């Protein structure tokens, strides 16, 4: 008993469907970018700039919030004074 998937008509239909899928994948933007070296380099450069800028901005905001919160602590003399000194240095640097 033959399996229906081995019929010649079914096999050629499967090959046509496979070709269609491969054609669709090859026309996808991701594949087109990776097939062109200058475009790939430009894409990765722009991605690196965005990641670097996001990292710097995120760290700046996070550290500013942490230092502000530490400067508000006055009931712990050591940490409060240390945070106040850092906050003062930051204020001096801004002027």
PDB file of N, CA and C in Angstrom:
ATOM      1  N   UNK A   1       0.835  -1.165   0.000  1.00  0.00           N
ATOM      2  CA  UNK A   1       0.000   0.000   0.000  1.00  0.00           C
ATOM      3  C   UNK A   1       0.890   1.242   0.000  1.00  0.00           C
ATOM      4  N   UNK A   2       0.684   2.086  -0.967  1.00  0.00           N
ATOM      5  CA  UNK A   2       1.508   3.283  -1.092  1.00  0.00           C
ATOM      6  C   UNK A   2       0.947   4.410  -0.245  1.00  0.00           C
ATOM      7  N   UNK A   3       1.865   5.178   0.312  1.00  0.00           N
ATOM      8  CA  UNK A   3       1.486   6.363   1.078  1.00  0.00           C
ATOM      9  C   UNK A   3       1.080   7.465   0.094  1.00  0.00           C
ATOM     10  N   UNK A   4       0.091   8.258   0.465  1.00  0.00           N
ATOM     11  CA  UNK A   4      -0.400   9.289  -0.441  1.00  0.00           C
ATOM     12  C   UNK A   4       0.619  10.397  -0.664  1.00  0.00           C
ATOM     13  N   UNK A   5       1.519  10.604   0.270  1.00  0.00           N
ATOM     14  CA  UNK A   5       2.515  11.670   0.135  1.00  0.00           C
ATOM     15  C   UNK A   5       3.555  11.352  -0.931  1.00  0.00           C
ATOM     16  N   UNK A   6       3.640  10.098  -1.367  1.00  0.00           N
ATOM     17  CA  UNK A   6       4.639   9.725  -2.365  1.00  0.00           C
ATOM     18  C   UNK A   6       4.102   9.805  -3.783  1.00  0.00           C
ATOM     19  N   UNK A   7       2.877  10.211  -3.978  1.00  0.00           N
ATOM     20  CA  UNK A   7       2.344  10.364  -5.322  1.00  0.00           C
ATOM     21  C   UNK A   7       3.097  11.478  -6.038  1.00  0.00           C
ATOM     22  N   UNK A   8       3.330  11.326  -7.324  1.00  0.00           N
ATOM     23  CA  UNK A   8       4.069  12.359  -8.065  1.00  0.00           C
ATOM     24  C   UNK A   8       3.395  13.732  -8.030  1.00  0.00           C
ATOM     25  N   UNK A   9       2.073  13.764  -8.106  1.00  0.00           N
ATOM     26  CA  UNK A   9       1.376  15.049  -8.083  1.00  0.00           C
ATOM     27  C   UNK A   9       1.550  15.734  -6.732  1.00  0.00           C
ATOM     28  N   UNK A  10       1.437  14.955  -5.675  1.00  0.00           N
ATOM     29  CA  UNK A  10       1.600  15.521  -4.347  1.00  0.00           C
ATOM     30  C   UNK A  10       3.030  16.000  -4.121  1.00  0.00           C
ATOM     31  N   UNK A  11       3.988  15.231  -4.630  1.00  0.00           N
ATOM     32  CA  UNK A  11       5.391  15.599  -4.473  1.00  0.00           C
ATOM     33  C   UNK A  11       5.705  16.895  -5.221  1.00  0.00           C
ATOM     34  N   UNK A  12       5.219  17.022  -6.438  1.00  0.00           N
ATOM     35  CA  UNK A  12       5.490  18.253  -7.189  1.00  0.00           C
ATOM     36  C   UNK A  12       4.760  19.439  -6.563  1.00  0.00           C
ATOM     37  N   UNK A  13       3.594  19.212  -5.972  1.00  0.00           N
ATOM     38  CA  UNK A  13       2.885  20.288  -5.273  1.00  0.00           C
ATOM     39  C   UNK A  13       3.657  20.715  -4.027  1.00  0.00           C
ATOM     40  N   UNK A  14       4.218  19.762  -3.317  1.00  0.00           N
ATOM     41  CA  UNK A  14       5.035  20.077  -2.143  1.00  0.00           C
ATOM     42  C   UNK A  14       6.289  20.851  -2.546  1.00  0.00           C
ATOM     43  N   UNK A  15       6.893  20.482  -3.644  1.00  0.00           N
ATOM     44  CA  UNK A  15       8.091  21.188  -4.121  1.00  0.00           C
ATOM     45  C   UNK A  15       7.733  22.617  -4.508  1.00  0.00           C
ATOM     46  N   UNK A  16       6.585  22.808  -5.179  1.00  0.00           N
ATOM     47  CA  UNK A  16       6.136  24.161  -5.521  1.00  0.00           C
ATOM     48  C   UNK A  16       5.906  24.994  -4.263  1.00  0.00           C
ATOM     49  N   UNK A  17       5.279  24.394  -3.254  1.00  0.00           N
ATOM     50  CA  UNK A  17       5.032  25.111  -2.001  1.00  0.00           C
ATOM     51  C   UNK A  17       6.348  25.458  -1.313  1.00  0.00           C
ATOM     52  N   UNK A  18       7.290  24.519  -1.348  1.00  0.00           N
ATOM     53  CA  UNK A  18       8.597  24.767  -0.746  1.00  0.00           C
ATOM     54  C   UNK A  18       9.334  25.895  -1.473  1.00  0.00           C
ATOM     55  N   UNK A  19       9.283  25.899  -2.791  1.00  0.00           N
ATOM     56  CA  UNK A  19       9.910  26.977  -3.556  1.00  0.00           C
ATOM     57  C   UNK A  19       9.278  28.324  -3.220  1.00  0.00           C
ATOM     58  N   UNK A  20       7.975  28.323  -3.082  1.00  0.00           N
ATOM     59  CA  UNK A  20       7.277  29.559  -2.732  1.00  0.00           C
ATOM     60  C   UNK A  20       7.717  30.064  -1.364  1.00  0.00           C
ATOM     61  N   UNK A  21       7.850  29.179  -0.405  1.00  0.00           N
ATOM     62  CA  UNK A  21       8.298  29.573   0.936  1.00  0.00           C
ATOM     63  C   UNK A  21       9.735  30.083   0.922  1.00  0.00           C
ATOM     64  N   UNK A  22      10.604  29.421   0.176  1.00  0.00           N
ATOM     65  CA  UNK A  22      11.999  29.853   0.087  1.00  0.00           C
ATOM     66  C   UNK A  22      12.075  31.226  -0.586  1.00  0.00           C
ATOM     67  N   UNK A  23      11.282  31.444  -1.639  1.00  0.00           N
ATOM     68  CA  UNK A  23      11.247  32.738  -2.312  1.00  0.00           C
ATOM     69  C   UNK A  23      10.780  33.832  -1.346  1.00  0.00           C
ATOM     70  N   UNK A  24       9.767  33.505  -0.559  1.00  0.00           N
ATOM     71  CA  UNK A  24       9.253  34.471   0.413  1.00  0.00           C
ATOM     72  C   UNK A  24      10.297  34.775   1.484  1.00  0.00           C
ATOM     73  N   UNK A  25      11.000  33.753   1.972  1.00  0.00           N
ATOM     74  CA  UNK A  25      12.043  33.978   2.972  1.00  0.00           C
ATOM     75  C   UNK A  25      13.194  34.806   2.407  1.00  0.00           C
ATOM     76  N   UNK A  26      13.582  34.534   1.164  1.00  0.00           N
ATOM     77  CA  UNK A  26      14.689  35.280   0.552  1.00  0.00           C
ATOM     78  C   UNK A  26      14.332  36.744   0.330  1.00  0.00           C
ATOM     79  N   UNK A  27      13.049  37.046   0.187  1.00  0.00           N
ATOM     80  CA  UNK A  27      12.663  38.440  -0.015  1.00  0.00           C
ATOM     81  C   UNK A  27      12.409  39.163   1.300  1.00  0.00           C
ATOM     82  N   UNK A  28      12.567  38.473   2.407  1.00  0.00           N
ATOM     83  CA  UNK A  28      12.352  39.094   3.718  1.00  0.00           C
ATOM     84  C   UNK A  28      13.465  40.106   3.987  1.00  0.00           C
ATOM     85  N   UNK A  29      13.128  41.207   4.685  1.00  0.00           N
ATOM     86  CA  UNK A  29      14.079  42.298   4.949  1.00  0.00           C
ATOM     87  C   UNK A  29      15.312  41.812   5.705  1.00  0.00           C
ATOM     88  N   UNK A  30      15.121  40.936   6.679  1.00  0.00           N
ATOM     89  CA  UNK A  30      16.247  40.428   7.480  1.00  0.00           C
ATOM     90  C   UNK A  30      17.269  39.722   6.592  1.00  0.00           C
ATOM     91  N   UNK A  31      16.800  38.919   5.668  1.00  0.00           N
ATOM     92  CA  UNK A  31      17.710  38.187   4.778  1.00  0.00           C
ATOM     93  C   UNK A  31      18.361  39.151   3.795  1.00  0.00           C
ATOM     94  N   UNK A  32      17.595  40.131   3.287  1.00  0.00           N
ATOM     95  CA  UNK A  32      18.170  41.105   2.348  1.00  0.00           C
ATOM     96  C   UNK A  32      19.279  41.916   3.010  1.00  0.00           C
ATOM     97  N   UNK A  33      19.101  42.277   4.291  1.00  0.00           N
ATOM     98  CA  UNK A  33      20.139  43.029   4.996  1.00  0.00           C
ATOM     99  C   UNK A  33      21.404  42.188   5.135  1.00  0.00           C
ATOM    100  N   UNK A  34      21.244  40.910   5.452  1.00  0.00           N
ATOM    101  CA  UNK A  34      22.408  40.053   5.678  1.00  0.00           C
ATOM    102  C   UNK A  34      23.066  39.587   4.379  1.00  0.00           C
ATOM    103  N   UNK A  35      22.421  39.795   3.243  1.00  0.00           N
ATOM    104  CA  UNK A  35      23.037  39.445   1.964  1.00  0.00           C
ATOM    105  C   UNK A  35      23.892  40.573   1.412  1.00  0.00           C
ATOM    106  N   UNK A  36      23.832  41.752   2.004  1.00  0.00           N
ATOM    107  CA  UNK A  36      24.563  42.915   1.527  1.00  0.00           C
ATOM    108  C   UNK A  36      25.488  43.392   2.656  1.00  0.00           C
ATOM    109  N   UNK A  37      26.791  43.234   2.479  1.00  0.00           N
ATOM    110  CA  UNK A  37      27.753  43.544   3.541  1.00  0.00           C
ATOM    111  C   UNK A  37      27.722  45.008   3.980  1.00  0.00           C
ATOM    112  N   UNK A  38      27.732  45.990   3.078  1.00  0.00           N
ATOM    113  CA  UNK A  38      27.673  47.381   3.554  1.00  0.00           C
ATOM    114  C   UNK A  38      26.382  47.677   4.329  1.00  0.00           C
ATOM    115  N   UNK A  39      25.274  47.132   3.868  1.00  0.00           N
ATOM    116  CA  UNK A  39      24.008  47.347   4.567  1.00  0.00           C
ATOM    117  C   UNK A  39      24.040  46.672   5.940  1.00  0.00           C
ATOM    118  N   UNK A  40      24.635  45.499   6.022  1.00  0.00           N
ATOM    119  CA  UNK A  40      24.752  44.794   7.298  1.00  0.00           C
ATOM    120  C   UNK A  40      25.626  45.583   8.271  1.00  0.00           C
ATOM    121  N   UNK A  41      26.744  46.111   7.783  1.00  0.00           N
ATOM    122  CA  UNK A  41      27.631  46.907   8.642  1.00  0.00           C
ATOM    123  C   UNK A  41      26.938  48.177   9.127  1.00  0.00           C
ATOM    124  N   UNK A  42      26.214  48.846   8.236  1.00  0.00           N
ATOM    125  CA  UNK A  42      25.496  50.066   8.622  1.00  0.00           C
ATOM    126  C   UNK A  42      24.413  49.755   9.644  1.00  0.00           C
ATOM    127  N   UNK A  43      23.702  48.656   9.437  1.00  0.00           N
ATOM    128  CA  UNK A  43      22.645  48.261  10.367  1.00  0.00           C
ATOM    129  C   UNK A  43      23.223  47.966  11.750  1.00  0.00           C
ATOM    130  N   UNK A  44      24.307  47.216  11.796  1.00  0.00           N
ATOM    131  CA  UNK A  44      24.917  46.875  13.083  1.00  0.00           C
ATOM    132  C   UNK A  44      25.550  48.093  13.744  1.00  0.00           C
ATOM    133  N   UNK A  45      26.086  49.013  12.960  1.00  0.00           N
ATOM    134  CA  UNK A  45      26.631  50.247  13.523  1.00  0.00           C
ATOM    135  C   UNK A  45      25.527  51.084  14.170  1.00  0.00           C
ATOM    136  N   UNK A  46      24.417  51.243  13.454  1.00  0.00           N
ATOM    137  CA  UNK A  46      23.288  52.002  14.008  1.00  0.00           C
ATOM    138  C   UNK A  46      22.728  51.316  15.251  1.00  0.00           C
ATOM    139  N   UNK A  47      22.665  50.008  15.222  1.00  0.00           N
ATOM    140  CA  UNK A  47      22.183  49.247  16.383  1.00  0.00           C
ATOM    141  C   UNK A  47      23.113  49.453  17.577  1.00  0.00           C
ATOM    142  N   UNK A  48      24.418  49.432  17.332  1.00  0.00           N
ATOM    143  CA  UNK A  48      25.390  49.642  18.401  1.00  0.00           C
ATOM    144  C   UNK A  48      25.294  51.039  18.992  1.00  0.00           C
ATOM    145  N   UNK A  49      25.087  52.042  18.126  1.00  0.00           N
ATOM    146  CA  UNK A  49      24.910  53.407  18.623  1.00  0.00           C
ATOM    147  C   UNK A  49      23.671  53.509  19.513  1.00  0.00           C
ATOM    148  N   UNK A  50      22.588  52.879  19.087  1.00  0.00           N
ATOM    149  CA  UNK A  50      21.347  52.940  19.860  1.00  0.00           C
ATOM    150  C   UNK A  50      21.507  52.229  21.203  1.00  0.00           C
ATOM    151  N   UNK A  51      22.158  51.084  21.194  1.00  0.00           N
ATOM    152  CA  UNK A  51      22.373  50.352  22.448  1.00  0.00           C
ATOM    153  C   UNK A  51      23.280  51.150  23.380  1.00  0.00           C
ATOM    154  N   UNK A  52      24.341  51.724  22.851  1.00  0.00           N
ATOM    155  CA  UNK A  52      25.252  52.520  23.672  1.00  0.00           C
ATOM    156  C   UNK A  52      24.580  53.742  24.261  1.00  0.00           C
ATOM    157  N   UNK A  53      23.809  54.449  23.439  1.00  0.00           N
ATOM    158  CA  UNK A  53      23.106  55.629  23.929  1.00  0.00           C
ATOM    159  C   UNK A  53      22.078  55.253  24.989  1.00  0.00           C
ATOM    160  N   UNK A  54      21.354  54.184  24.760  1.00  0.00           N
ATOM    161  CA  UNK A  54      20.368  53.731  25.741  1.00  0.00           C
ATOM    162  C   UNK A  54      21.012  53.321  27.049  1.00  0.00           C
ATOM    163  N   UNK A  55      22.156  52.677  26.967  1.00  0.00           N
ATOM    164  CA  UNK A  55      22.865  52.260  28.172  1.00  0.00           C
ATOM    165  C   UNK A  55      23.338  53.466  28.976  1.00  0.00           C
ATOM    166  N   UNK A  56      23.917  54.441  28.297  1.00  0.00           N
ATOM    167  CA  UNK A  56      24.423  55.632  28.981  1.00  0.00           C
ATOM    168  C   UNK A  56      23.280  56.428  29.606  1.00  0.00           C
ATOM    169  N   UNK A  57      22.213  56.641  28.848  1.00  0.00           N
ATOM    170  CA  UNK A  57      21.076  57.390  29.388  1.00  0.00           C
ATOM    171  C   UNK A  57      20.415  56.656  30.548  1.00  0.00           C
ATOM    172  N   UNK A  58      20.252  55.354  30.408  1.00  0.00           N
ATOM    173  CA  UNK A  58      19.649  54.571  31.488  1.00  0.00           C
ATOM    174  C   UNK A  58      20.490  54.592  32.750  1.00  0.00           C
ATOM    175  N   UNK A  59      21.794  54.435  32.604  1.00  0.00           N
ATOM    176  CA  UNK A  59      22.678  54.464  33.770  1.00  0.00           C
ATOM    177  C   UNK A  59      22.677  55.840  34.421  1.00  0.00           C
ATOM    178  N   UNK A  60      22.624  56.888  33.609  1.00  0.00           N
ATOM    179  CA  UNK A  60      22.604  58.251  34.155  1.00  0.00           C
ATOM    180  C   UNK A  60      21.346  58.484  34.983  1.00  0.00           C
ATOM    181  N   UNK A  61      20.207  58.107  34.444  1.00  0.00           N
ATOM    182  CA  UNK A  61      18.947  58.296  35.170  1.00  0.00           C
ATOM    183  C   UNK A  61      18.935  57.450  36.436  1.00  0.00           C
ATOM    184  N   UNK A  62      19.350  56.198  36.333  1.00  0.00           N
ATOM    185  CA  UNK A  62      19.342  55.308  37.493  1.00  0.00           C
ATOM    186  C   UNK A  62      20.272  55.813  38.593  1.00  0.00           C
ATOM    187  N   UNK A  63      21.484  56.191  38.236  1.00  0.00           N
ATOM    188  CA  UNK A  63      22.421  56.698  39.244  1.00  0.00           C
ATOM    189  C   UNK A  63      21.950  58.015  39.847  1.00  0.00           C
ATOM    190  N   UNK A  64      21.341  58.865  39.035  1.00  0.00           N
ATOM    191  CA  UNK A  64      20.817  60.125  39.569  1.00  0.00           C
ATOM    192  C   UNK A  64      19.734  59.861  40.602  1.00  0.00           C
ATOM    193  N   UNK A  65      18.843  58.936  40.294  1.00  0.00           N
ATOM    194  CA  UNK A  65      17.784  58.610  41.252  1.00  0.00           C
ATOM    195  C   UNK A  65      18.334  57.985  42.529  1.00  0.00           C
ATOM    196  N   UNK A  66      19.312  57.114  42.380  1.00  0.00           N
ATOM    197  CA  UNK A  66      19.907  56.484  43.570  1.00  0.00           C
ATOM    198  C   UNK A  66      20.616  57.531  44.427  1.00  0.00           C
ATOM    199  N   UNK A  67      21.390  58.401  43.799  1.00  0.00           N
ATOM    200  CA  UNK A  67      22.096  59.431  44.565  1.00  0.00           C
ATOM    201  C   UNK A  67      21.130  60.420  45.209  1.00  0.00           C
ATOM    202  N   UNK A  68      20.057  60.772  44.501  1.00  0.00           N
ATOM    203  CA  UNK A  68      19.054  61.658  45.088  1.00  0.00           C
ATOM    204  C   UNK A  68      18.408  61.002  46.309  1.00  0.00           C
ATOM    205  N   UNK A  69      18.071  59.710  46.170  1.00  0.00           N
ATOM    206  CA  UNK A  69      17.453  59.004  47.294  1.00  0.00           C
ATOM    207  C   UNK A  69      18.425  58.910  48.467  1.00  0.00           C
ATOM    208  N   UNK A  70      19.691  58.668  48.199  1.00  0.00           N
ATOM    209  CA  UNK A  70      20.679  58.592  49.277  1.00  0.00           C
ATOM    210  C   UNK A  70      20.896  59.954  49.944  1.00  0.00           C
ATOM    211  N   UNK A  71      20.790  61.019  49.162  1.00  0.00           N
ATOM    212  CA  UNK A  71      20.987  62.342  49.758  1.00  0.00           C
ATOM    213  C   UNK A  71      19.820  62.724  50.667  1.00  0.00           C
ATOM    214  N   UNK A  72      18.679  62.076  50.495  1.00  0.00           N
ATOM    215  CA  UNK A  72      17.522  62.359  51.331  1.00  0.00           C
ATOM    216  C   UNK A  72      17.598  61.646  52.683  1.00  0.00           C
ATOM    217  N   UNK A  73      18.502  60.698  52.789  1.00  0.00           N
ATOM    218  CA  UNK A  73      18.649  59.948  54.040  1.00  0.00           C
ATOM    219  C   UNK A  73      19.524  60.772  54.986  1.00  0.00           C
ATOM    220  N   UNK A  74      18.944  61.221  56.070  1.00  0.00           N
ATOM    221  CA  UNK A  74      19.717  62.001  57.031  1.00  0.00           C
ATOM    222  C   UNK A  74      19.775  61.329  58.391  1.00  0.00           C
ATOM    223  N   UNK A  75      19.012  60.270  58.573  1.00  0.00           N
ATOM    224  CA  UNK A  75      19.029  59.609  59.875  1.00  0.00           C
ATOM    225  C   UNK A  75      20.204  58.658  60.032  1.00  0.00           C
ATOM    226  N   UNK A  76      20.880  58.322  58.947  1.00  0.00           N
ATOM    227  CA  UNK A  76      22.115  57.548  59.027  1.00  0.00           C
ATOM    228  C   UNK A  76      23.275  58.515  58.760  1.00  0.00           C
ATOM    229  N   UNK A  77      23.998  58.894  59.767  1.00  0.00           N
ATOM    230  CA  UNK A  77      25.001  59.949  59.610  1.00  0.00           C
ATOM    231  C   UNK A  77      26.058  59.657  58.542  1.00  0.00           C
ATOM    232  N   UNK A  78      26.554  58.452  58.479  1.00  0.00           N
ATOM    233  CA  UNK A  78      27.651  58.156  57.547  1.00  0.00           C
ATOM    234  C   UNK A  78      27.144  58.191  56.113  1.00  0.00           C
ATOM    235  N   UNK A  79      26.071  57.478  55.849  1.00  0.00           N
ATOM    236  CA  UNK A  79      25.542  57.418  54.484  1.00  0.00           C
ATOM    237  C   UNK A  79      24.966  58.769  54.077  1.00  0.00           C
ATOM    238  N   UNK A  80      24.259  59.431  54.997  1.00  0.00           N
ATOM    239  CA  UNK A  80      23.660  60.726  54.685  1.00  0.00           C
ATOM    240  C   UNK A  80      24.698  61.767  54.331  1.00  0.00           C
ATOM    241  N   UNK A  81      25.787  61.840  55.092  1.00  0.00           N
ATOM    242  CA  UNK A  81      26.848  62.810  54.804  1.00  0.00           C
ATOM    243  C   UNK A  81      27.547  62.481  53.489  1.00  0.00           C
ATOM    244  N   UNK A  82      27.801  61.199  53.279  1.00  0.00           N
ATOM    245  CA  UNK A  82      28.479  60.769  52.052  1.00  0.00           C
ATOM    246  C   UNK A  82      27.615  61.101  50.845  1.00  0.00           C
ATOM    247  N   UNK A  83      26.331  60.804  50.922  1.00  0.00           N
ATOM    248  CA  UNK A  83      25.432  61.094  49.806  1.00  0.00           C
ATOM    249  C   UNK A  83      25.287  62.596  49.612  1.00  0.00           C
ATOM    250  N   UNK A  84      25.264  63.358  50.695  1.00  0.00           N
ATOM    251  CA  UNK A  84      25.160  64.809  50.580  1.00  0.00           C
ATOM    252  C   UNK A  84      26.405  65.386  49.910  1.00  0.00           C
ATOM    253  N   UNK A  85      27.575  64.835  50.215  1.00  0.00           N
ATOM    254  CA  UNK A  85      28.806  65.289  49.569  1.00  0.00           C
ATOM    255  C   UNK A  85      28.770  65.002  48.068  1.00  0.00           C
ATOM    256  N   UNK A  86      28.302  63.825  47.716  1.00  0.00           N
ATOM    257  CA  UNK A  86      28.206  63.474  46.288  1.00  0.00           C
ATOM    258  C   UNK A  86      27.217  64.402  45.596  1.00  0.00           C
ATOM    259  N   UNK A  87      26.074  64.640  46.232  1.00  0.00           N
ATOM    260  CA  UNK A  87      25.071  65.537  45.651  1.00  0.00           C
ATOM    261  C   UNK A  87      25.628  66.945  45.505  1.00  0.00           C
ATOM    262  N   UNK A  88      26.371  67.401  46.482  1.00  0.00           N
ATOM    263  CA  UNK A  88      26.970  68.731  46.414  1.00  0.00           C
ATOM    264  C   UNK A  88      27.983  68.811  45.279  1.00  0.00           C
ATOM    265  N   UNK A  89      28.787  67.775  45.108  1.00  0.00           N
ATOM    266  CA  UNK A  89      29.760  67.748  44.023  1.00  0.00           C
ATOM    267  C   UNK A  89      29.061  67.755  42.665  1.00  0.00           C
ATOM    268  N   UNK A  90      27.936  67.056  42.587  1.00  0.00           N
ATOM    269  CA  UNK A  90      27.190  67.047  41.342  1.00  0.00           C
ATOM    270  C   UNK A  90      26.608  68.431  41.051  1.00  0.00           C
ATOM    271  N   UNK A  91      26.098  69.111  42.078  1.00  0.00           N
ATOM    272  CA  UNK A  91      25.561  70.456  41.905  1.00  0.00           C
ATOM    273  C   UNK A  91      26.668  71.432  41.497  1.00  0.00           C
ATOM    274  N   UNK A  92      27.829  71.284  42.103  1.00  0.00           N
ATOM    275  CA  UNK A  92      28.967  72.144  41.748  1.00  0.00           C
ATOM    276  C   UNK A  92      29.396  71.904  40.312  1.00  0.00           C
ATOM    277  N   UNK A  93      29.372  70.663  39.881  1.00  0.00           N
ATOM    278  CA  UNK A  93      29.787  70.328  38.513  1.00  0.00           C
ATOM    279  C   UNK A  93      28.801  70.880  37.488  1.00  0.00           C
ATOM    280  N   UNK A  94      27.539  70.989  37.852  1.00  0.00           N
ATOM    281  CA  UNK A  94      26.531  71.500  36.924  1.00  0.00           C
ATOM    282  C   UNK A  94      26.665  73.007  36.734  1.00  0.00           C
ATOM    283  N   UNK A  95      27.236  73.700  37.700  1.00  0.00           N
ATOM    284  CA  UNK A  95      27.341  75.163  37.614  1.00  0.00           C
ATOM    285  C   UNK A  95      28.549  75.600  36.866  1.00  0.00           C
TER     286      UNK A  95
END
